[in-house]
Amino acid sequence: FRRLADAAWKYGLRYNKKVDFDSSNAFFTQDWFAGLWIVQEYV
């Protein structure tokens, strides 16, 4: 995510081909993301 964000900040919304879908999945399957209140916390 940090590499993707760096690419966005430096070059606009460009894609970094080094995306690791397994690690992204590991990140988003953590318990916090299942909570309904996270929208309020985040937004």
ModelCIF file with pLDDT and N, C-alpha, C, O atoms, coordinates in Angstrom:
data_MODEL
#
_entry.id   MODEL 
#
_entity.id                         1 
_entity.type                       polymer 
_entity.pdbx_number_of_molecules   1 
#
_entity_poly.entity_id                      1 
_entity_poly.type                           'polypeptide(L)' 
_entity_poly.nstd_linkage                   no 
_entity_poly.nstd_monomer                   no 
_entity_poly.pdbx_seq_one_letter_code       FRRLADAAWKYGLRYNKKVDFDSSNAFFTQDWFAGLWIVQEYV 
_entity_poly.pdbx_seq_one_letter_code_can   FRRLADAAWKYGLRYNKKVDFDSSNAFFTQDWFAGLWIVQEYV 
_entity_poly.pdbx_strand_id                 A 
#
loop_
_entity_poly_seq.entity_id 
_entity_poly_seq.num 
_entity_poly_seq.mon_id 
_entity_poly_seq.hetero 
1 1  PHE n 
1 2  ARG n 
1 3  ARG n 
1 4  LEU n 
1 5  ALA n 
1 6  ASP n 
1 7  ALA n 
1 8  ALA n 
1 9  TRP n 
1 10 LYS n 
1 11 TYR n 
1 12 GLY n 
1 13 LEU n 
1 14 ARG n 
1 15 TYR n 
1 16 ASN n 
1 17 LYS n 
1 18 LYS n 
1 19 VAL n 
1 20 ASP n 
1 21 PHE n 
1 22 ASP n 
1 23 SER n 
1 24 SER n 
1 25 ASN n 
1 26 ALA n 
1 27 PHE n 
1 28 PHE n 
1 29 THR n 
1 30 GLN n 
1 31 ASP n 
1 32 TRP n 
1 33 PHE n 
1 34 ALA n 
1 35 GLY n 
1 36 LEU n 
1 37 TRP n 
1 38 ILE n 
1 39 VAL n 
1 40 GLN n 
1 41 GLU n 
1 42 TYR n 
1 43 VAL n 
#
_struct_asym.id          A 
_struct_asym.entity_id   1 
#
loop_
_ma_qa_metric.id 
_ma_qa_metric.mode 
_ma_qa_metric.name 
_ma_qa_metric.software_group_id 
_ma_qa_metric.type 
1 global pLDDT . pLDDT 
2 local  pLDDT . pLDDT 
#
_ma_qa_metric_global.metric_id      1 
_ma_qa_metric_global.metric_value   68.70 
_ma_qa_metric_global.model_id       1 
_ma_qa_metric_global.ordinal_id     1 
#
loop_
_ma_qa_metric_local.label_asym_id 
_ma_qa_metric_local.label_comp_id 
_ma_qa_metric_local.label_seq_id 
_ma_qa_metric_local.metric_id 
_ma_qa_metric_local.metric_value 
_ma_qa_metric_local.model_id 
_ma_qa_metric_local.ordinal_id 
A PHE 1  2 79.00 1 1  
A ARG 2  2 80.00 1 2  
A ARG 3  2 79.00 1 3  
A LEU 4  2 75.00 1 4  
A ALA 5  2 75.00 1 5  
A ASP 6  2 75.00 1 6  
A ALA 7  2 69.00 1 7  
A ALA 8  2 68.00 1 8  
A TRP 9  2 60.00 1 9  
A LYS 10 2 59.00 1 10 
A TYR 11 2 50.00 1 11 
A GLY 12 2 54.00 1 12 
A LEU 13 2 52.00 1 13 
A ARG 14 2 43.00 1 14 
A TYR 15 2 39.00 1 15 
A ASN 16 2 42.00 1 16 
A LYS 17 2 46.00 1 17 
A LYS 18 2 49.00 1 18 
A VAL 19 2 50.00 1 19 
A ASP 20 2 61.00 1 20 
A PHE 21 2 62.00 1 21 
A ASP 22 2 68.00 1 22 
A SER 23 2 73.00 1 23 
A SER 24 2 73.00 1 24 
A ASN 25 2 73.00 1 25 
A ALA 26 2 79.00 1 26 
A PHE 27 2 80.00 1 27 
A PHE 28 2 80.00 1 28 
A THR 29 2 81.00 1 29 
A GLN 30 2 83.00 1 30 
A ASP 31 2 83.00 1 31 
A TRP 32 2 82.00 1 32 
A PHE 33 2 79.00 1 33 
A ALA 34 2 78.00 1 34 
A GLY 35 2 75.00 1 35 
A LEU 36 2 69.00 1 36 
A TRP 37 2 74.00 1 37 
A ILE 38 2 74.00 1 38 
A VAL 39 2 73.00 1 39 
A GLN 40 2 78.00 1 40 
A GLU 41 2 79.00 1 41 
A TYR 42 2 77.00 1 42 
A VAL 43 2 76.00 1 43 
#
loop_
_atom_site.group_PDB 
_atom_site.id 
_atom_site.type_symbol 
_atom_site.label_atom_id 
_atom_site.label_alt_id 
_atom_site.label_comp_id 
_atom_site.label_asym_id 
_atom_site.label_entity_id 
_atom_site.label_seq_id 
_atom_site.pdbx_PDB_ins_code 
_atom_site.Cartn_x 
_atom_site.Cartn_y 
_atom_site.Cartn_z 
_atom_site.occupancy 
_atom_site.B_iso_or_equiv 
_atom_site.pdbx_formal_charge 
_atom_site.auth_seq_id 
_atom_site.auth_comp_id 
_atom_site.auth_asym_id 
_atom_site.auth_atom_id 
_atom_site.pdbx_PDB_model_num 
ATOM 1   N N  . PHE A 1 1  ? 0.832   -1.202  0.000   1.00 79.00 ? 1  PHE A N  1 
ATOM 2   C CA . PHE A 1 1  ? 0.000   0.000   0.000   1.00 79.00 ? 1  PHE A CA 1 
ATOM 3   C C  . PHE A 1 1  ? 0.866   1.251   0.000   1.00 79.00 ? 1  PHE A C  1 
ATOM 4   O O  . PHE A 1 1  ? 0.543   2.236   -0.664  1.00 79.00 ? 1  PHE A O  1 
ATOM 5   N N  . ARG A 1 2  ? 1.957   1.211   0.738   1.00 80.00 ? 2  ARG A N  1 
ATOM 6   C CA . ARG A 1 2  ? 2.839   2.373   0.782   1.00 80.00 ? 2  ARG A CA 1 
ATOM 7   C C  . ARG A 1 2  ? 3.461   2.624   -0.596  1.00 80.00 ? 2  ARG A C  1 
ATOM 8   O O  . ARG A 1 2  ? 3.569   3.775   -1.017  1.00 80.00 ? 2  ARG A O  1 
ATOM 9   N N  . ARG A 1 3  ? 3.868   1.571   -1.298  1.00 79.00 ? 3  ARG A N  1 
ATOM 10  C CA . ARG A 1 3  ? 4.425   1.746   -2.650  1.00 79.00 ? 3  ARG A CA 1 
ATOM 11  C C  . ARG A 1 3  ? 3.365   2.303   -3.599  1.00 79.00 ? 3  ARG A C  1 
ATOM 12  O O  . ARG A 1 3  ? 3.659   3.180   -4.412  1.00 79.00 ? 3  ARG A O  1 
ATOM 13  N N  . LEU A 1 4  ? 2.142   1.801   -3.502  1.00 75.00 ? 4  LEU A N  1 
ATOM 14  C CA . LEU A 1 4  ? 1.065   2.327   -4.341  1.00 75.00 ? 4  LEU A CA 1 
ATOM 15  C C  . LEU A 1 4  ? 0.796   3.792   -4.028  1.00 75.00 ? 4  LEU A C  1 
ATOM 16  O O  . LEU A 1 4  ? 0.610   4.605   -4.934  1.00 75.00 ? 4  LEU A O  1 
ATOM 17  N N  . ALA A 1 5  ? 0.776   4.120   -2.754  1.00 75.00 ? 5  ALA A N  1 
ATOM 18  C CA . ALA A 1 5  ? 0.540   5.515   -2.362  1.00 75.00 ? 5  ALA A CA 1 
ATOM 19  C C  . ALA A 1 5  ? 1.668   6.402   -2.854  1.00 75.00 ? 5  ALA A C  1 
ATOM 20  O O  . ALA A 1 5  ? 1.415   7.507   -3.335  1.00 75.00 ? 5  ALA A O  1 
ATOM 21  N N  . ASP A 1 6  ? 2.906   5.945   -2.746  1.00 75.00 ? 6  ASP A N  1 
ATOM 22  C CA . ASP A 1 6  ? 4.036   6.726   -3.251  1.00 75.00 ? 6  ASP A CA 1 
ATOM 23  C C  . ASP A 1 6  ? 3.896   6.970   -4.743  1.00 75.00 ? 6  ASP A C  1 
ATOM 24  O O  . ASP A 1 6  ? 4.170   8.072   -5.220  1.00 75.00 ? 6  ASP A O  1 
ATOM 25  N N  . ALA A 1 7  ? 3.477   5.969   -5.475  1.00 69.00 ? 7  ALA A N  1 
ATOM 26  C CA . ALA A 1 7  ? 3.278   6.126   -6.914  1.00 69.00 ? 7  ALA A CA 1 
ATOM 27  C C  . ALA A 1 7  ? 2.194   7.161   -7.189  1.00 69.00 ? 7  ALA A C  1 
ATOM 28  O O  . ALA A 1 7  ? 2.328   7.964   -8.113  1.00 69.00 ? 7  ALA A O  1 
ATOM 29  N N  . ALA A 1 8  ? 1.131   7.153   -6.406  1.00 68.00 ? 8  ALA A N  1 
ATOM 30  C CA . ALA A 1 8  ? 0.043   8.113   -6.592  1.00 68.00 ? 8  ALA A CA 1 
ATOM 31  C C  . ALA A 1 8  ? 0.524   9.529   -6.297  1.00 68.00 ? 8  ALA A C  1 
ATOM 32  O O  . ALA A 1 8  ? 0.226   10.455  -7.051  1.00 68.00 ? 8  ALA A O  1 
ATOM 33  N N  . TRP A 1 9  ? 1.258   9.702   -5.215  1.00 60.00 ? 9  TRP A N  1 
ATOM 34  C CA . TRP A 1 9  ? 1.736   11.031  -4.846  1.00 60.00 ? 9  TRP A CA 1 
ATOM 35  C C  . TRP A 1 9  ? 2.733   11.572  -5.871  1.00 60.00 ? 9  TRP A C  1 
ATOM 36  O O  . TRP A 1 9  ? 2.683   12.756  -6.206  1.00 60.00 ? 9  TRP A O  1 
ATOM 37  N N  . LYS A 1 10 ? 3.619   10.744  -6.363  1.00 59.00 ? 10 LYS A N  1 
ATOM 38  C CA . LYS A 1 10 ? 4.679   11.210  -7.262  1.00 59.00 ? 10 LYS A CA 1 
ATOM 39  C C  . LYS A 1 10 ? 4.200   11.396  -8.698  1.00 59.00 ? 10 LYS A C  1 
ATOM 40  O O  . LYS A 1 10 ? 4.613   12.335  -9.377  1.00 59.00 ? 10 LYS A O  1 
ATOM 41  N N  . TYR A 1 11 ? 3.345   10.515  -9.149  1.00 50.00 ? 11 TYR A N  1 
ATOM 42  C CA . TYR A 1 11 ? 3.012   10.479  -10.573 1.00 50.00 ? 11 TYR A CA 1 
ATOM 43  C C  . TYR A 1 11 ? 1.527   10.607  -10.868 1.00 50.00 ? 11 TYR A C  1 
ATOM 44  O O  . TYR A 1 11 ? 1.116   10.417  -12.012 1.00 50.00 ? 11 TYR A O  1 
ATOM 45  N N  . GLY A 1 12 ? 0.735   10.915  -9.897  1.00 54.00 ? 12 GLY A N  1 
ATOM 46  C CA . GLY A 1 12 ? -0.709  10.862  -10.091 1.00 54.00 ? 12 GLY A CA 1 
ATOM 47  C C  . GLY A 1 12 ? -1.165  9.437   -9.833  1.00 54.00 ? 12 GLY A C  1 
ATOM 48  O O  . GLY A 1 12 ? -0.429  8.655   -9.230  1.00 54.00 ? 12 GLY A O  1 
ATOM 49  N N  . LEU A 1 13 ? -2.328  9.096   -10.265 1.00 52.00 ? 13 LEU A N  1 
ATOM 50  C CA . LEU A 1 13 ? -2.875  7.770   -9.983  1.00 52.00 ? 13 LEU A CA 1 
ATOM 51  C C  . LEU A 1 13 ? -2.369  6.755   -10.998 1.00 52.00 ? 13 LEU A C  1 
ATOM 52  O O  . LEU A 1 13 ? -3.101  6.326   -11.889 1.00 52.00 ? 13 LEU A O  1 
ATOM 53  N N  . ARG A 1 14 ? -1.120  6.387   -10.847 1.00 43.00 ? 14 ARG A N  1 
ATOM 54  C CA . ARG A 1 14 ? -0.516  5.387   -11.719 1.00 43.00 ? 14 ARG A CA 1 
ATOM 55  C C  . ARG A 1 14 ? -0.374  4.088   -10.960 1.00 43.00 ? 14 ARG A C  1 
ATOM 56  O O  . ARG A 1 14 ? -0.236  4.085   -9.737  1.00 43.00 ? 14 ARG A O  1 
ATOM 57  N N  . TYR A 1 15 ? -0.405  3.021   -11.662 1.00 39.00 ? 15 TYR A N  1 
ATOM 58  C CA . TYR A 1 15 ? -0.356  1.684   -11.083 1.00 39.00 ? 15 TYR A CA 1 
ATOM 59  C C  . TYR A 1 15 ? 1.080   1.188   -10.948 1.00 39.00 ? 15 TYR A C  1 
ATOM 60  O O  . TYR A 1 15 ? 1.890   1.347   -11.862 1.00 39.00 ? 15 TYR A O  1 
ATOM 61  N N  . ASN A 1 16 ? 1.384   0.594   -9.812  1.00 42.00 ? 16 ASN A N  1 
ATOM 62  C CA . ASN A 1 16 ? 2.675   -0.031  -9.585  1.00 42.00 ? 16 ASN A CA 1 
ATOM 63  C C  . ASN A 1 16 ? 2.510   -1.534  -9.789  1.00 42.00 ? 16 ASN A C  1 
ATOM 64  O O  . ASN A 1 16 ? 1.748   -2.163  -9.056  1.00 42.00 ? 16 ASN A O  1 
ATOM 65  N N  . LYS A 1 17 ? 3.191   -2.120  -10.749 1.00 46.00 ? 17 LYS A N  1 
ATOM 66  C CA . LYS A 1 17 ? 2.989   -3.529  -11.099 1.00 46.00 ? 17 LYS A CA 1 
ATOM 67  C C  . LYS A 1 17 ? 3.502   -4.496  -10.042 1.00 46.00 ? 17 LYS A C  1 
ATOM 68  O O  . LYS A 1 17 ? 3.350   -5.706  -10.210 1.00 46.00 ? 17 LYS A O  1 
ATOM 69  N N  . LYS A 1 18 ? 4.099   -4.016  -8.970  1.00 49.00 ? 18 LYS A N  1 
ATOM 70  C CA . LYS A 1 18 ? 4.621   -4.893  -7.925  1.00 49.00 ? 18 LYS A CA 1 
ATOM 71  C C  . LYS A 1 18 ? 3.579   -5.180  -6.847  1.00 49.00 ? 18 LYS A C  1 
ATOM 72  O O  . LYS A 1 18 ? 3.941   -5.459  -5.704  1.00 49.00 ? 18 LYS A O  1 
ATOM 73  N N  . VAL A 1 19 ? 2.317   -5.117  -7.184  1.00 50.00 ? 19 VAL A N  1 
ATOM 74  C CA . VAL A 1 19 ? 1.244   -5.360  -6.218  1.00 50.00 ? 19 VAL A CA 1 
ATOM 75  C C  . VAL A 1 19 ? 1.244   -6.835  -5.840  1.00 50.00 ? 19 VAL A C  1 
ATOM 76  O O  . VAL A 1 19 ? 1.300   -7.710  -6.705  1.00 50.00 ? 19 VAL A O  1 
ATOM 77  N N  . ASP A 1 20 ? 1.181   -7.097  -4.554  1.00 61.00 ? 20 ASP A N  1 
ATOM 78  C CA . ASP A 1 20 ? 1.143   -8.478  -4.044  1.00 61.00 ? 20 ASP A CA 1 
ATOM 79  C C  . ASP A 1 20 ? -0.255  -8.723  -3.497  1.00 61.00 ? 20 ASP A C  1 
ATOM 80  O O  . ASP A 1 20 ? -0.588  -8.256  -2.408  1.00 61.00 ? 20 ASP A O  1 
ATOM 81  N N  . PHE A 1 21 ? -1.077  -9.455  -4.247  1.00 62.00 ? 21 PHE A N  1 
ATOM 82  C CA . PHE A 1 21 ? -2.463  -9.666  -3.855  1.00 62.00 ? 21 PHE A CA 1 
ATOM 83  C C  . PHE A 1 21 ? -2.594  -10.512 -2.600  1.00 62.00 ? 21 PHE A C  1 
ATOM 84  O O  . PHE A 1 21 ? -3.535  -10.312 -1.832  1.00 62.00 ? 21 PHE A O  1 
ATOM 85  N N  . ASP A 1 22 ? -1.682  -11.455 -2.363  1.00 68.00 ? 22 ASP A N  1 
ATOM 86  C CA . ASP A 1 22 ? -1.744  -12.259 -1.145  1.00 68.00 ? 22 ASP A CA 1 
ATOM 87  C C  . ASP A 1 22 ? -1.527  -11.403 0.091   1.00 68.00 ? 22 ASP A C  1 
ATOM 88  O O  . ASP A 1 22 ? -2.228  -11.567 1.089   1.00 68.00 ? 22 ASP A O  1 
ATOM 89  N N  . SER A 1 23 ? -0.567  -10.494 0.038   1.00 73.00 ? 23 SER A N  1 
ATOM 90  C CA . SER A 1 23 ? -0.322  -9.642  1.198   1.00 73.00 ? 23 SER A CA 1 
ATOM 91  C C  . SER A 1 23 ? -1.462  -8.637  1.391   1.00 73.00 ? 23 SER A C  1 
ATOM 92  O O  . SER A 1 23 ? -1.813  -8.311  2.524   1.00 73.00 ? 23 SER A O  1 
ATOM 93  N N  . SER A 1 24 ? -2.037  -8.149  0.296   1.00 73.00 ? 24 SER A N  1 
ATOM 94  C CA . SER A 1 24 ? -3.190  -7.241  0.411   1.00 73.00 ? 24 SER A CA 1 
ATOM 95  C C  . SER A 1 24 ? -4.365  -7.967  1.052   1.00 73.00 ? 24 SER A C  1 
ATOM 96  O O  . SER A 1 24 ? -5.063  -7.407  1.897   1.00 73.00 ? 24 SER A O  1 
ATOM 97  N N  . ASN A 1 25 ? -4.578  -9.201  0.651   1.00 73.00 ? 25 ASN A N  1 
ATOM 98  C CA . ASN A 1 25 ? -5.640  -10.005 1.235   1.00 73.00 ? 25 ASN A CA 1 
ATOM 99  C C  . ASN A 1 25 ? -5.396  -10.235 2.724   1.00 73.00 ? 25 ASN A C  1 
ATOM 100 O O  . ASN A 1 25 ? -6.329  -10.154 3.523   1.00 73.00 ? 25 ASN A O  1 
ATOM 101 N N  . ALA A 1 26 ? -4.148  -10.521 3.105   1.00 79.00 ? 26 ALA A N  1 
ATOM 102 C CA . ALA A 1 26 ? -3.821  -10.715 4.527   1.00 79.00 ? 26 ALA A CA 1 
ATOM 103 C C  . ALA A 1 26 ? -4.136  -9.460  5.323   1.00 79.00 ? 26 ALA A C  1 
ATOM 104 O O  . ALA A 1 26 ? -4.631  -9.538  6.447   1.00 79.00 ? 26 ALA A O  1 
ATOM 105 N N  . PHE A 1 27 ? -3.848  -8.306  4.739   1.00 80.00 ? 27 PHE A N  1 
ATOM 106 C CA . PHE A 1 27 ? -4.118  -7.037  5.416   1.00 80.00 ? 27 PHE A CA 1 
ATOM 107 C C  . PHE A 1 27 ? -5.610  -6.823  5.620   1.00 80.00 ? 27 PHE A C  1 
ATOM 108 O O  . PHE A 1 27 ? -6.043  -6.510  6.729   1.00 80.00 ? 27 PHE A O  1 
ATOM 109 N N  . PHE A 1 28 ? -6.408  -6.989  4.560   1.00 80.00 ? 28 PHE A N  1 
ATOM 110 C CA . PHE A 1 28 ? -7.836  -6.672  4.621   1.00 80.00 ? 28 PHE A CA 1 
ATOM 111 C C  . PHE A 1 28 ? -8.691  -7.751  5.284   1.00 80.00 ? 28 PHE A C  1 
ATOM 112 O O  . PHE A 1 28 ? -9.870  -7.504  5.540   1.00 80.00 ? 28 PHE A O  1 
ATOM 113 N N  . THR A 1 29 ? -8.157  -8.918  5.568   1.00 81.00 ? 29 THR A N  1 
ATOM 114 C CA . THR A 1 29 ? -8.949  -9.937  6.250   1.00 81.00 ? 29 THR A CA 1 
ATOM 115 C C  . THR A 1 29 ? -8.775  -9.890  7.760   1.00 81.00 ? 29 THR A C  1 
ATOM 116 O O  . THR A 1 29 ? -9.224  -10.796 8.462   1.00 81.00 ? 29 THR A O  1 
ATOM 117 N N  . GLN A 1 30 ? -8.133  -8.852  8.269   1.00 83.00 ? 30 GLN A N  1 
ATOM 118 C CA . GLN A 1 30 ? -8.020  -8.696  9.715   1.00 83.00 ? 30 GLN A CA 1 
ATOM 119 C C  . GLN A 1 30 ? -9.373  -8.271  10.293  1.00 83.00 ? 30 GLN A C  1 
ATOM 120 O O  . GLN A 1 30 ? -10.188 -7.656  9.606   1.00 83.00 ? 30 GLN A O  1 
ATOM 121 N N  . ASP A 1 31 ? -9.593  -8.601  11.544  1.00 83.00 ? 31 ASP A N  1 
ATOM 122 C CA . ASP A 1 31 ? -10.888 -8.412  12.195  1.00 83.00 ? 31 ASP A CA 1 
ATOM 123 C C  . ASP A 1 31 ? -11.427 -6.991  12.106  1.00 83.00 ? 31 ASP A C  1 
ATOM 124 O O  . ASP A 1 31 ? -12.631 -6.805  11.931  1.00 83.00 ? 31 ASP A O  1 
ATOM 125 N N  . TRP A 1 32 ? -10.561 -5.982  12.224  1.00 82.00 ? 32 TRP A N  1 
ATOM 126 C CA . TRP A 1 32 ? -11.046 -4.596  12.245  1.00 82.00 ? 32 TRP A CA 1 
ATOM 127 C C  . TRP A 1 32 ? -11.863 -4.266  11.008  1.00 82.00 ? 32 TRP A C  1 
ATOM 128 O O  . TRP A 1 32 ? -12.839 -3.522  11.103  1.00 82.00 ? 32 TRP A O  1 
ATOM 129 N N  . PHE A 1 33 ? -11.495 -4.795  9.857   1.00 79.00 ? 33 PHE A N  1 
ATOM 130 C CA . PHE A 1 33 ? -12.179 -4.469  8.614   1.00 79.00 ? 33 PHE A CA 1 
ATOM 131 C C  . PHE A 1 33 ? -13.574 -5.075  8.533   1.00 79.00 ? 33 PHE A C  1 
ATOM 132 O O  . PHE A 1 33 ? -14.360 -4.682  7.670   1.00 79.00 ? 33 PHE A O  1 
ATOM 133 N N  . ALA A 1 34 ? -13.899 -6.017  9.405   1.00 78.00 ? 34 ALA A N  1 
ATOM 134 C CA . ALA A 1 34 ? -15.224 -6.631  9.411   1.00 78.00 ? 34 ALA A CA 1 
ATOM 135 C C  . ALA A 1 34 ? -16.227 -5.831  10.236  1.00 78.00 ? 34 ALA A C  1 
ATOM 136 O O  . ALA A 1 34 ? -17.428 -6.093  10.163  1.00 78.00 ? 34 ALA A O  1 
ATOM 137 N N  . GLY A 1 35 ? -15.761 -4.862  11.018  1.00 75.00 ? 35 GLY A N  1 
ATOM 138 C CA . GLY A 1 35 ? -16.652 -4.091  11.882  1.00 75.00 ? 35 GLY A CA 1 
ATOM 139 C C  . GLY A 1 35 ? -17.458 -3.057  11.114  1.00 75.00 ? 35 GLY A C  1 
ATOM 140 O O  . GLY A 1 35 ? -16.947 -2.418  10.194  1.00 75.00 ? 35 GLY A O  1 
ATOM 141 N N  . LEU A 1 36 ? -18.703 -2.897  11.490  1.00 69.00 ? 36 LEU A N  1 
ATOM 142 C CA . LEU A 1 36 ? -19.565 -1.915  10.830  1.00 69.00 ? 36 LEU A CA 1 
ATOM 143 C C  . LEU A 1 36 ? -19.172 -0.479  11.158  1.00 69.00 ? 36 LEU A C  1 
ATOM 144 O O  . LEU A 1 36 ? -19.423 0.427   10.364  1.00 69.00 ? 36 LEU A O  1 
ATOM 145 N N  . TRP A 1 37 ? -18.561 -0.265  12.317  1.00 74.00 ? 37 TRP A N  1 
ATOM 146 C CA . TRP A 1 37 ? -18.231 1.072   12.768  1.00 74.00 ? 37 TRP A CA 1 
ATOM 147 C C  . TRP A 1 37 ? -17.000 1.642   12.060  1.00 74.00 ? 37 TRP A C  1 
ATOM 148 O O  . TRP A 1 37 ? -16.717 2.831   12.212  1.00 74.00 ? 37 TRP A O  1 
ATOM 149 N N  . ILE A 1 38 ? -16.269 0.848   11.299  1.00 74.00 ? 38 ILE A N  1 
ATOM 150 C CA . ILE A 1 38 ? -15.037 1.363   10.709  1.00 74.00 ? 38 ILE A CA 1 
ATOM 151 C C  . ILE A 1 38 ? -15.301 2.497   9.722   1.00 74.00 ? 38 ILE A C  1 
ATOM 152 O O  . ILE A 1 38 ? -14.437 3.350   9.519   1.00 74.00 ? 38 ILE A O  1 
ATOM 153 N N  . VAL A 1 39 ? -16.471 2.518   9.112   1.00 73.00 ? 39 VAL A N  1 
ATOM 154 C CA . VAL A 1 39 ? -16.790 3.621   8.199   1.00 73.00 ? 39 VAL A CA 1 
ATOM 155 C C  . VAL A 1 39 ? -16.791 4.927   8.979   1.00 73.00 ? 39 VAL A C  1 
ATOM 156 O O  . VAL A 1 39 ? -16.246 5.929   8.515   1.00 73.00 ? 39 VAL A O  1 
ATOM 157 N N  . GLN A 1 40 ? -17.401 4.922   10.165  1.00 78.00 ? 40 GLN A N  1 
ATOM 158 C CA . GLN A 1 40 ? -17.413 6.123   10.999  1.00 78.00 ? 40 GLN A CA 1 
ATOM 159 C C  . GLN A 1 40 ? -15.999 6.484   11.437  1.00 78.00 ? 40 GLN A C  1 
ATOM 160 O O  . GLN A 1 40 ? -15.607 7.649   11.373  1.00 78.00 ? 40 GLN A O  1 
ATOM 161 N N  . GLU A 1 41 ? -15.236 5.492   11.880  1.00 79.00 ? 41 GLU A N  1 
ATOM 162 C CA . GLU A 1 41 ? -13.867 5.758   12.321  1.00 79.00 ? 41 GLU A CA 1 
ATOM 163 C C  . GLU A 1 41 ? -13.034 6.350   11.189  1.00 79.00 ? 41 GLU A C  1 
ATOM 164 O O  . GLU A 1 41 ? -12.242 7.267   11.406  1.00 79.00 ? 41 GLU A O  1 
ATOM 165 N N  . TYR A 1 42 ? -13.211 5.835   10.013  1.00 77.00 ? 42 TYR A N  1 
ATOM 166 C CA . TYR A 1 42 ? -12.368 6.205   8.878   1.00 77.00 ? 42 TYR A CA 1 
ATOM 167 C C  . TYR A 1 42 ? -12.814 7.509   8.213   1.00 77.00 ? 42 TYR A C  1 
ATOM 168 O O  . TYR A 1 42 ? -11.975 8.308   7.799   1.00 77.00 ? 42 TYR A O  1 
ATOM 169 N N  . VAL A 1 43 ? -14.111 7.728   8.107   1.00 76.00 ? 43 VAL A N  1 
ATOM 170 C CA . VAL A 1 43 ? -14.624 8.866   7.344   1.00 76.00 ? 43 VAL A CA 1 
ATOM 171 C C  . VAL A 1 43 ? -14.838 10.109  8.203   1.00 76.00 ? 43 VAL A C  1 
ATOM 172 O O  . VAL A 1 43 ? -15.267 11.145  7.694   1.00 76.00 ? 43 VAL A O  1 
#
